[in-house]
Amino acid sequence: NRIVTTGGSAGGHLALTTGLLTPEAGLDRGCTAPDNLRWERA
């Protein structure tokens, strides 16, 4: 509940996209699922 993103320049851009994006944008699909969830409902 207390995760902060930060960075400068392109890092500032990535801090913003990391915090503002939602999964619906389709840019989270390559993220590795934890082992205990890999074979479960996505």
All heavy atoms as atom14 arrays in JSON, in Angstrom:
{
  "sequence": "NRIVTTGGSAGGHLALTTGLLTPEAGLDRGCTAPDNLRWERA",
  "atom14_mask": [
    [1, 1, 1, 1, 1, 1, 1, 1, 0, 0, 0, 0, 0, 0],
    [1, 1, 1, 1, 1, 1, 1, 1, 1, 1, 1, 0, 0, 0],
    [1, 1, 1, 1, 1, 1, 1, 1, 0, 0, 0, 0, 0, 0],
    [1, 1, 1, 1, 1, 1, 1, 0, 0, 0, 0, 0, 0, 0],
    [1, 1, 1, 1, 1, 1, 1, 0, 0, 0, 0, 0, 0, 0],
    [1, 1, 1, 1, 1, 1, 1, 0, 0, 0, 0, 0, 0, 0],
    [1, 1, 1, 1, 0, 0, 0, 0, 0, 0, 0, 0, 0, 0],
    [1, 1, 1, 1, 0, 0, 0, 0, 0, 0, 0, 0, 0, 0],
    [1, 1, 1, 1, 1, 1, 0, 0, 0, 0, 0, 0, 0, 0],
    [1, 1, 1, 1, 1, 0, 0, 0, 0, 0, 0, 0, 0, 0],
    [1, 1, 1, 1, 0, 0, 0, 0, 0, 0, 0, 0, 0, 0],
    [1, 1, 1, 1, 0, 0, 0, 0, 0, 0, 0, 0, 0, 0],
    [1, 1, 1, 1, 1, 1, 1, 1, 1, 1, 0, 0, 0, 0],
    [1, 1, 1, 1, 1, 1, 1, 1, 0, 0, 0, 0, 0, 0],
    [1, 1, 1, 1, 1, 0, 0, 0, 0, 0, 0, 0, 0, 0],
    [1, 1, 1, 1, 1, 1, 1, 1, 0, 0, 0, 0, 0, 0],
    [1, 1, 1, 1, 1, 1, 1, 0, 0, 0, 0, 0, 0, 0],
    [1, 1, 1, 1, 1, 1, 1, 0, 0, 0, 0, 0, 0, 0],
    [1, 1, 1, 1, 0, 0, 0, 0, 0, 0, 0, 0, 0, 0],
    [1, 1, 1, 1, 1, 1, 1, 1, 0, 0, 0, 0, 0, 0],
    [1, 1, 1, 1, 1, 1, 1, 1, 0, 0, 0, 0, 0, 0],
    [1, 1, 1, 1, 1, 1, 1, 0, 0, 0, 0, 0, 0, 0],
    [1, 1, 1, 1, 1, 1, 1, 0, 0, 0, 0, 0, 0, 0],
    [1, 1, 1, 1, 1, 1, 1, 1, 1, 0, 0, 0, 0, 0],
    [1, 1, 1, 1, 1, 0, 0, 0, 0, 0, 0, 0, 0, 0],
    [1, 1, 1, 1, 0, 0, 0, 0, 0, 0, 0, 0, 0, 0],
    [1, 1, 1, 1, 1, 1, 1, 1, 0, 0, 0, 0, 0, 0],
    [1, 1, 1, 1, 1, 1, 1, 1, 0, 0, 0, 0, 0, 0],
    [1, 1, 1, 1, 1, 1, 1, 1, 1, 1, 1, 0, 0, 0],
    [1, 1, 1, 1, 0, 0, 0, 0, 0, 0, 0, 0, 0, 0],
    [1, 1, 1, 1, 1, 1, 0, 0, 0, 0, 0, 0, 0, 0],
    [1, 1, 1, 1, 1, 1, 1, 0, 0, 0, 0, 0, 0, 0],
    [1, 1, 1, 1, 1, 0, 0, 0, 0, 0, 0, 0, 0, 0],
    [1, 1, 1, 1, 1, 1, 1, 0, 0, 0, 0, 0, 0, 0],
    [1, 1, 1, 1, 1, 1, 1, 1, 0, 0, 0, 0, 0, 0],
    [1, 1, 1, 1, 1, 1, 1, 1, 0, 0, 0, 0, 0, 0],
    [1, 1, 1, 1, 1, 1, 1, 1, 0, 0, 0, 0, 0, 0],
    [1, 1, 1, 1, 1, 1, 1, 1, 1, 1, 1, 0, 0, 0],
    [1, 1, 1, 1, 1, 1, 1, 1, 1, 1, 1, 1, 1, 1],
    [1, 1, 1, 1, 1, 1, 1, 1, 1, 0, 0, 0, 0, 0],
    [1, 1, 1, 1, 1, 1, 1, 1, 1, 1, 1, 0, 0, 0],
    [1, 1, 1, 1, 1, 0, 0, 0, 0, 0, 0, 0, 0, 0]
  ],
  "atom14_positions": [
    [[0.81, -1.21, 0.0], [0.0, 0.0, 0.0], [0.85, 1.27, 0.0], [0.31, 2.37, -0.02], [-0.94, 0.01, 1.21], [-1.95, -1.11, 1.15], [-2.6, -1.31, 0.13], [-2.08, -1.85, 2.24], [0.0, 0.0, 0.0], [0.0, 0.0, 0.0], [0.0, 0.0, 0.0], [0.0, 0.0, 0.0], [0.0, 0.0, 0.0], [0.0, 0.0, 0.0]],
    [[2.17, 1.09, 0.03], [3.07, 2.25, 0.03], [4.21, 2.04, -0.97], [5.38, 2.12, -0.63], [3.61, 2.49, 1.44], [2.56, 2.97, 2.44], [3.2, 3.4, 3.76], [3.76, 2.27, 4.49], [4.62, 2.39, 5.51], [5.05, 3.59, 5.88], [5.07, 1.32, 6.14], [0.0, 0.0, 0.0], [0.0, 0.0, 0.0], [0.0, 0.0, 0.0]],
    [[3.83, 1.79, -2.22], [4.81, 1.66, -3.3], [4.9, 2.99, -4.04], [3.89, 3.57, -4.44], [4.4, 0.55, -4.29], [4.33, -0.8, -3.59], [5.39, 0.48, -5.46], [3.79, -1.93, -4.47], [0.0, 0.0, 0.0], [0.0, 0.0, 0.0], [0.0, 0.0, 0.0], [0.0, 0.0, 0.0], [0.0, 0.0, 0.0], [0.0, 0.0, 0.0]],
    [[6.11, 3.47, -4.2], [6.38, 4.74, -4.9], [7.27, 4.43, -6.11], [8.15, 3.58, -6.03], [7.1, 5.73, -3.96], [7.47, 7.02, -4.69], [6.23, 6.03, -2.74], [0.0, 0.0, 0.0], [0.0, 0.0, 0.0], [0.0, 0.0, 0.0], [0.0, 0.0, 0.0], [0.0, 0.0, 0.0], [0.0, 0.0, 0.0], [0.0, 0.0, 0.0]],
    [[7.01, 5.1, -7.22], [7.92, 5.01, -8.36], [8.61, 6.35, -8.55], [8.01, 7.41, -8.34], [7.19, 4.62, -9.66], [6.19, 5.61, -9.97], [6.51, 3.26, -9.52], [0.0, 0.0, 0.0], [0.0, 0.0, 0.0], [0.0, 0.0, 0.0], [0.0, 0.0, 0.0], [0.0, 0.0, 0.0], [0.0, 0.0, 0.0], [0.0, 0.0, 0.0]],
    [[9.88, 6.31, -8.95], [10.61, 7.56, -9.17], [11.7, 7.34, -10.2], [12.18, 6.23, -10.41], [11.23, 8.08, -7.86], [11.76, 9.4, -8.08], [12.35, 7.19, -7.36], [0.0, 0.0, 0.0], [0.0, 0.0, 0.0], [0.0, 0.0, 0.0], [0.0, 0.0, 0.0], [0.0, 0.0, 0.0], [0.0, 0.0, 0.0], [0.0, 0.0, 0.0]],
    [[12.09, 8.43, -10.86], [13.18, 8.4, -11.83], [13.31, 9.76, -12.48], [12.45, 10.64, -12.3], [0.0, 0.0, 0.0], [0.0, 0.0, 0.0], [0.0, 0.0, 0.0], [0.0, 0.0, 0.0], [0.0, 0.0, 0.0], [0.0, 0.0, 0.0], [0.0, 0.0, 0.0], [0.0, 0.0, 0.0], [0.0, 0.0, 0.0], [0.0, 0.0, 0.0]],
    [[14.41, 9.94, -13.22], [14.66, 11.21, -13.87], [14.77, 11.06, -15.37], [15.29, 10.07, -15.87], [0.0, 0.0, 0.0], [0.0, 0.0, 0.0], [0.0, 0.0, 0.0], [0.0, 0.0, 0.0], [0.0, 0.0, 0.0], [0.0, 0.0, 0.0], [0.0, 0.0, 0.0], [0.0, 0.0, 0.0], [0.0, 0.0, 0.0], [0.0, 0.0, 0.0]],
    [[14.24, 12.04, -16.12], [14.31, 12.05, -17.58], [13.52, 10.86, -18.14], [12.34, 10.73, -17.86], [15.77, 12.06, -18.04], [15.88, 12.33, -19.4], [0.0, 0.0, 0.0], [0.0, 0.0, 0.0], [0.0, 0.0, 0.0], [0.0, 0.0, 0.0], [0.0, 0.0, 0.0], [0.0, 0.0, 0.0], [0.0, 0.0, 0.0], [0.0, 0.0, 0.0]],
    [[14.18, 9.97, -18.91], [13.47, 8.77, -19.35], [13.04, 7.94, -18.16], [12.0, 7.25, -18.21], [14.35, 7.94, -20.28], [0.0, 0.0, 0.0], [0.0, 0.0, 0.0], [0.0, 0.0, 0.0], [0.0, 0.0, 0.0], [0.0, 0.0, 0.0], [0.0, 0.0, 0.0], [0.0, 0.0, 0.0], [0.0, 0.0, 0.0], [0.0, 0.0, 0.0]],
    [[13.81, 8.0, -17.06], [13.39, 7.32, -15.83], [12.15, 7.95, -15.23], [11.32, 7.26, -14.63], [0.0, 0.0, 0.0], [0.0, 0.0, 0.0], [0.0, 0.0, 0.0], [0.0, 0.0, 0.0], [0.0, 0.0, 0.0], [0.0, 0.0, 0.0], [0.0, 0.0, 0.0], [0.0, 0.0, 0.0], [0.0, 0.0, 0.0], [0.0, 0.0, 0.0]],
    [[12.01, 9.27, -15.36], [10.79, 9.93, -14.93], [9.6, 9.47, -15.76], [8.51, 9.23, -15.24], [0.0, 0.0, 0.0], [0.0, 0.0, 0.0], [0.0, 0.0, 0.0], [0.0, 0.0, 0.0], [0.0, 0.0, 0.0], [0.0, 0.0, 0.0], [0.0, 0.0, 0.0], [0.0, 0.0, 0.0], [0.0, 0.0, 0.0], [0.0, 0.0, 0.0]],
    [[9.82, 9.38, -17.08], [8.78, 8.86, -17.96], [8.37, 7.45, -17.54], [7.17, 7.13, -17.43], [9.29, 8.84, -19.41], [8.48, 7.99, -20.33], [8.81, 6.68, -20.6], [7.35, 8.25, -21.06], [7.92, 6.16, -21.44], [7.03, 7.1, -21.73], [0.0, 0.0, 0.0], [0.0, 0.0, 0.0], [0.0, 0.0, 0.0], [0.0, 0.0, 0.0]],
    [[9.35, 6.6, -17.25], [9.05, 5.22, -16.89], [8.43, 5.13, -15.5], [7.61, 4.23, -15.24], [10.31, 4.37, -16.98], [10.84, 4.21, -18.41], [12.24, 3.58, -18.41], [9.89, 3.37, -19.27], [0.0, 0.0, 0.0], [0.0, 0.0, 0.0], [0.0, 0.0, 0.0], [0.0, 0.0, 0.0], [0.0, 0.0, 0.0], [0.0, 0.0, 0.0]],
    [[8.81, 6.04, -14.6], [8.13, 6.09, -13.3], [6.65, 6.43, -13.49], [5.77, 5.86, -12.82], [8.8, 7.11, -12.39], [0.0, 0.0, 0.0], [0.0, 0.0, 0.0], [0.0, 0.0, 0.0], [0.0, 0.0, 0.0], [0.0, 0.0, 0.0], [0.0, 0.0, 0.0], [0.0, 0.0, 0.0], [0.0, 0.0, 0.0], [0.0, 0.0, 0.0]],
    [[6.37, 7.35, -14.41], [4.98, 7.72, -14.7], [4.22, 6.57, -15.35], [3.1, 6.24, -14.93], [4.95, 8.95, -15.6], [5.33, 10.28, -14.94], [5.63, 11.34, -16.0], [4.23, 10.76, -14.0], [0.0, 0.0, 0.0], [0.0, 0.0, 0.0], [0.0, 0.0, 0.0], [0.0, 0.0, 0.0], [0.0, 0.0, 0.0], [0.0, 0.0, 0.0]],
    [[4.8, 5.96, -16.38], [4.07, 4.88, -17.06], [3.87, 3.69, -16.12], [2.82, 3.05, -16.13], [4.8, 4.42, -18.33], [6.14, 4.02, -18.01], [4.85, 5.53, -19.36], [0.0, 0.0, 0.0], [0.0, 0.0, 0.0], [0.0, 0.0, 0.0], [0.0, 0.0, 0.0], [0.0, 0.0, 0.0], [0.0, 0.0, 0.0], [0.0, 0.0, 0.0]],
    [[4.87, 3.41, -15.28], [4.74, 2.3, -14.35], [3.59, 2.53, -13.37], [2.85, 1.6, -13.04], [6.06, 2.09, -13.58], [7.1, 1.82, -14.51], [5.96, 0.92, -12.61], [0.0, 0.0, 0.0], [0.0, 0.0, 0.0], [0.0, 0.0, 0.0], [0.0, 0.0, 0.0], [0.0, 0.0, 0.0], [0.0, 0.0, 0.0], [0.0, 0.0, 0.0]],
    [[3.44, 3.77, -12.93], [2.39, 4.07, -11.97], [1.03, 4.38, -12.56], [0.01, 4.18, -11.89], [0.0, 0.0, 0.0], [0.0, 0.0, 0.0], [0.0, 0.0, 0.0], [0.0, 0.0, 0.0], [0.0, 0.0, 0.0], [0.0, 0.0, 0.0], [0.0, 0.0, 0.0], [0.0, 0.0, 0.0], [0.0, 0.0, 0.0], [0.0, 0.0, 0.0]],
    [[0.98, 4.86, -13.8], [-0.28, 5.29, -14.4], [-0.96, 4.23, -15.25], [-2.18, 4.23, -15.41], [-0.06, 6.54, -15.26], [0.38, 7.82, -14.54], [0.66, 8.93, -15.55], [-0.68, 8.28, -13.53], [0.0, 0.0, 0.0], [0.0, 0.0, 0.0], [0.0, 0.0, 0.0], [0.0, 0.0, 0.0], [0.0, 0.0, 0.0], [0.0, 0.0, 0.0]],
    [[-0.18, 3.32, -15.84], [-0.76, 2.32, -16.73], [-1.65, 1.33, -15.96], [-1.47, 1.1, -14.76], [0.34, 1.54, -17.45], [0.94, 2.18, -18.7], [2.19, 1.43, -19.13], [-0.08, 2.22, -19.84], [0.0, 0.0, 0.0], [0.0, 0.0, 0.0], [0.0, 0.0, 0.0], [0.0, 0.0, 0.0], [0.0, 0.0, 0.0], [0.0, 0.0, 0.0]],
    [[-2.57, 0.73, -16.68], [-3.37, -0.37, -16.16], [-3.14, -1.59, -17.04], [-2.67, -1.46, -18.19], [-4.86, -0.01, -16.15], [-5.3, 0.15, -17.51], [-5.11, 1.27, -15.37], [0.0, 0.0, 0.0], [0.0, 0.0, 0.0], [0.0, 0.0, 0.0], [0.0, 0.0, 0.0], [0.0, 0.0, 0.0], [0.0, 0.0, 0.0], [0.0, 0.0, 0.0]],
    [[-3.46, -2.79, -16.56], [-3.25, -3.99, -17.38], [-3.99, -3.95, -18.72], [-3.56, -4.59, -19.68], [-3.78, -5.11, -16.48], [-3.62, -4.59, -15.09], [-3.9, -3.12, -15.19], [0.0, 0.0, 0.0], [0.0, 0.0, 0.0], [0.0, 0.0, 0.0], [0.0, 0.0, 0.0], [0.0, 0.0, 0.0], [0.0, 0.0, 0.0], [0.0, 0.0, 0.0]],
    [[-5.07, -3.18, -18.78], [-5.84, -3.12, -20.02], [-5.04, -2.55, -21.18], [-5.39, -2.76, -22.36], [-7.12, -2.29, -19.81], [-8.2, -3.0, -19.02], [-7.92, -3.06, -17.53], [-7.04, -2.3, -17.05], [-8.58, -3.85, -16.82], [0.0, 0.0, 0.0], [0.0, 0.0, 0.0], [0.0, 0.0, 0.0], [0.0, 0.0, 0.0], [0.0, 0.0, 0.0]],
    [[-3.97, -1.82, -20.9], [-3.14, -1.28, -21.98], [-2.39, -2.37, -22.73], [-1.89, -2.15, -23.83], [-2.15, -0.26, -21.41], [0.0, 0.0, 0.0], [0.0, 0.0, 0.0], [0.0, 0.0, 0.0], [0.0, 0.0, 0.0], [0.0, 0.0, 0.0], [0.0, 0.0, 0.0], [0.0, 0.0, 0.0], [0.0, 0.0, 0.0], [0.0, 0.0, 0.0]],
    [[-2.3, -3.56, -22.13], [-1.68, -4.7, -22.8], [-0.17, -4.76, -22.66], [0.47, -5.6, -23.3], [0.0, 0.0, 0.0], [0.0, 0.0, 0.0], [0.0, 0.0, 0.0], [0.0, 0.0, 0.0], [0.0, 0.0, 0.0], [0.0, 0.0, 0.0], [0.0, 0.0, 0.0], [0.0, 0.0, 0.0], [0.0, 0.0, 0.0], [0.0, 0.0, 0.0]],
    [[0.42, -3.93, -21.8], [1.87, -3.89, -21.68], [2.39, -4.7, -20.49], [3.58, -4.67, -20.2], [2.34, -2.44, -21.58], [2.05, -1.6, -22.83], [2.42, -0.14, -22.61], [2.77, -2.16, -24.05], [0.0, 0.0, 0.0], [0.0, 0.0, 0.0], [0.0, 0.0, 0.0], [0.0, 0.0, 0.0], [0.0, 0.0, 0.0], [0.0, 0.0, 0.0]],
    [[1.49, -5.42, -19.81], [1.9, -6.28, -18.69], [1.96, -7.75, -19.09], [2.3, -8.6, -18.27], [0.9, -6.16, -17.54], [0.85, -4.78, -16.92], [1.33, -3.82, -17.54], [0.3, -4.64, -15.81], [0.0, 0.0, 0.0], [0.0, 0.0, 0.0], [0.0, 0.0, 0.0], [0.0, 0.0, 0.0], [0.0, 0.0, 0.0], [0.0, 0.0, 0.0]],
    [[1.68, -8.06, -20.34], [1.46, -9.45, -20.71], [2.73, -10.29, -20.7], [2.67, -11.52, -20.62], [0.81, -9.52, -22.1], [-0.62, -8.95, -22.1], [-1.17, -8.81, -23.5], [-2.49, -8.21, -23.48], [-3.05, -7.6, -24.51], [-2.37, -7.5, -25.65], [-4.25, -7.09, -24.41], [0.0, 0.0, 0.0], [0.0, 0.0, 0.0], [0.0, 0.0, 0.0]],
    [[3.9, -9.65, -20.79], [5.14, -10.41, -20.77], [5.69, -10.66, -19.38], [6.74, -11.29, -19.24], [0.0, 0.0, 0.0], [0.0, 0.0, 0.0], [0.0, 0.0, 0.0], [0.0, 0.0, 0.0], [0.0, 0.0, 0.0], [0.0, 0.0, 0.0], [0.0, 0.0, 0.0], [0.0, 0.0, 0.0], [0.0, 0.0, 0.0], [0.0, 0.0, 0.0]],
    [[4.99, -10.19, -18.36], [5.49, -10.34, -16.99], [5.39, -11.8, -16.54], [4.37, -12.45, -16.77], [4.72, -9.44, -16.03], [4.82, -7.68, -16.45], [0.0, 0.0, 0.0], [0.0, 0.0, 0.0], [0.0, 0.0, 0.0], [0.0, 0.0, 0.0], [0.0, 0.0, 0.0], [0.0, 0.0, 0.0], [0.0, 0.0, 0.0], [0.0, 0.0, 0.0]],
    [[6.44, -12.27, -15.9], [6.5, -13.65, -15.46], [5.59, -13.85, -14.26], [5.69, -13.14, -13.25], [7.94, -14.03, -15.06], [8.8, -13.77, -16.18], [8.04, -15.49, -14.66], [0.0, 0.0, 0.0], [0.0, 0.0, 0.0], [0.0, 0.0, 0.0], [0.0, 0.0, 0.0], [0.0, 0.0, 0.0], [0.0, 0.0, 0.0], [0.0, 0.0, 0.0]],
    [[4.71, -14.83, -14.35], [3.83, -15.14, -13.24], [4.59, -15.9, -12.16], [5.51, -16.66, -12.46], [2.64, -15.99, -13.71], [0.0, 0.0, 0.0], [0.0, 0.0, 0.0], [0.0, 0.0, 0.0], [0.0, 0.0, 0.0], [0.0, 0.0, 0.0], [0.0, 0.0, 0.0], [0.0, 0.0, 0.0], [0.0, 0.0, 0.0], [0.0, 0.0, 0.0]],
    [[4.25, -15.7, -10.88], [4.88, -16.5, -9.82], [4.64, -17.99, -10.08], [3.64, -18.38, -10.69], [4.16, -16.04, -8.55], [3.55, -14.73, -8.89], [3.25, -14.76, -10.36], [0.0, 0.0, 0.0], [0.0, 0.0, 0.0], [0.0, 0.0, 0.0], [0.0, 0.0, 0.0], [0.0, 0.0, 0.0], [0.0, 0.0, 0.0], [0.0, 0.0, 0.0]],
    [[5.57, -18.82, -9.62], [5.47, -20.26, -9.87], [4.15, -20.84, -9.41], [3.57, -21.72, -10.07], [6.62, -20.99, -9.17], [7.96, -20.71, -9.84], [7.96, -20.27, -11.0], [9.0, -20.92, -9.18], [0.0, 0.0, 0.0], [0.0, 0.0, 0.0], [0.0, 0.0, 0.0], [0.0, 0.0, 0.0], [0.0, 0.0, 0.0], [0.0, 0.0, 0.0]],
    [[3.62, -20.34, -8.28], [2.39, -20.91, -7.76], [1.15, -20.47, -8.53], [0.05, -20.99, -8.31], [2.22, -20.55, -6.28], [2.09, -19.05, -6.06], [2.7, -18.26, -6.76], [1.31, -18.67, -5.07], [0.0, 0.0, 0.0], [0.0, 0.0, 0.0], [0.0, 0.0, 0.0], [0.0, 0.0, 0.0], [0.0, 0.0, 0.0], [0.0, 0.0, 0.0]],
    [[1.31, -19.51, -9.45], [0.16, -19.03, -10.22], [0.28, -19.31, -11.72], [-0.68, -19.1, -12.46], [-0.01, -17.51, -10.03], [-0.31, -17.02, -8.61], [-0.4, -15.5, -8.6], [-1.6, -17.65, -8.09], [0.0, 0.0, 0.0], [0.0, 0.0, 0.0], [0.0, 0.0, 0.0], [0.0, 0.0, 0.0], [0.0, 0.0, 0.0], [0.0, 0.0, 0.0]],
    [[1.42, -19.79, -12.15], [1.67, -19.96, -13.58], [0.64, -20.85, -14.25], [0.26, -20.63, -15.4], [3.08, -20.5, -13.8], [3.41, -20.75, -15.27], [4.88, -21.03, -15.43], [5.67, -19.82, -15.31], [6.97, -19.8, -15.06], [7.62, -20.92, -14.86], [7.62, -18.66, -15.0], [0.0, 0.0, 0.0], [0.0, 0.0, 0.0], [0.0, 0.0, 0.0]],
    [[0.17, -21.86, -13.53], [-0.75, -22.83, -14.12], [-2.2, -22.57, -13.73], [-3.08, -23.38, -13.99], [-0.34, -24.25, -13.7], [1.13, -24.46, -13.85], [2.04, -24.61, -12.86], [1.87, -24.49, -15.08], [3.3, -24.74, -13.37], [3.24, -24.67, -14.73], [1.54, -24.38, -16.43], [4.25, -24.75, -15.68], [2.55, -24.45, -17.37], [3.88, -24.63, -17.0]],
    [[-2.45, -21.44, -13.1], [-3.79, -21.12, -12.65], [-4.47, -20.15, -13.61], [-3.9, -19.72, -14.62], [-3.73, -20.49, -11.24], [-3.04, -21.36, -10.2], [-3.76, -22.67, -9.97], [-5.01, -22.68, -10.07], [-3.1, -23.69, -9.69], [0.0, 0.0, 0.0], [0.0, 0.0, 0.0], [0.0, 0.0, 0.0], [0.0, 0.0, 0.0], [0.0, 0.0, 0.0]],
    [[-5.7, -19.78, -13.27], [-6.46, -18.84, -14.07], [-5.7, -17.51, -14.19], [-5.18, -17.0, -13.2], [-7.82, -18.61, -13.41], [-8.68, -17.55, -14.1], [-10.02, -17.42, -13.39], [-10.73, -16.25, -13.85], [-11.9, -15.86, -13.38], [-12.48, -16.56, -12.42], [-12.49, -14.78, -13.85], [0.0, 0.0, 0.0], [0.0, 0.0, 0.0], [0.0, 0.0, 0.0]],
    [[-5.67, -16.97, -15.39], [-4.88, -15.76, -15.66], [-5.73, -14.51, -15.47], [-6.07, -13.81, -16.43], [-4.3, -15.81, -17.07], [0.0, 0.0, 0.0], [0.0, 0.0, 0.0], [0.0, 0.0, 0.0], [0.0, 0.0, 0.0], [0.0, 0.0, 0.0], [0.0, 0.0, 0.0], [0.0, 0.0, 0.0], [0.0, 0.0, 0.0], [0.0, 0.0, 0.0]]
  ]
}
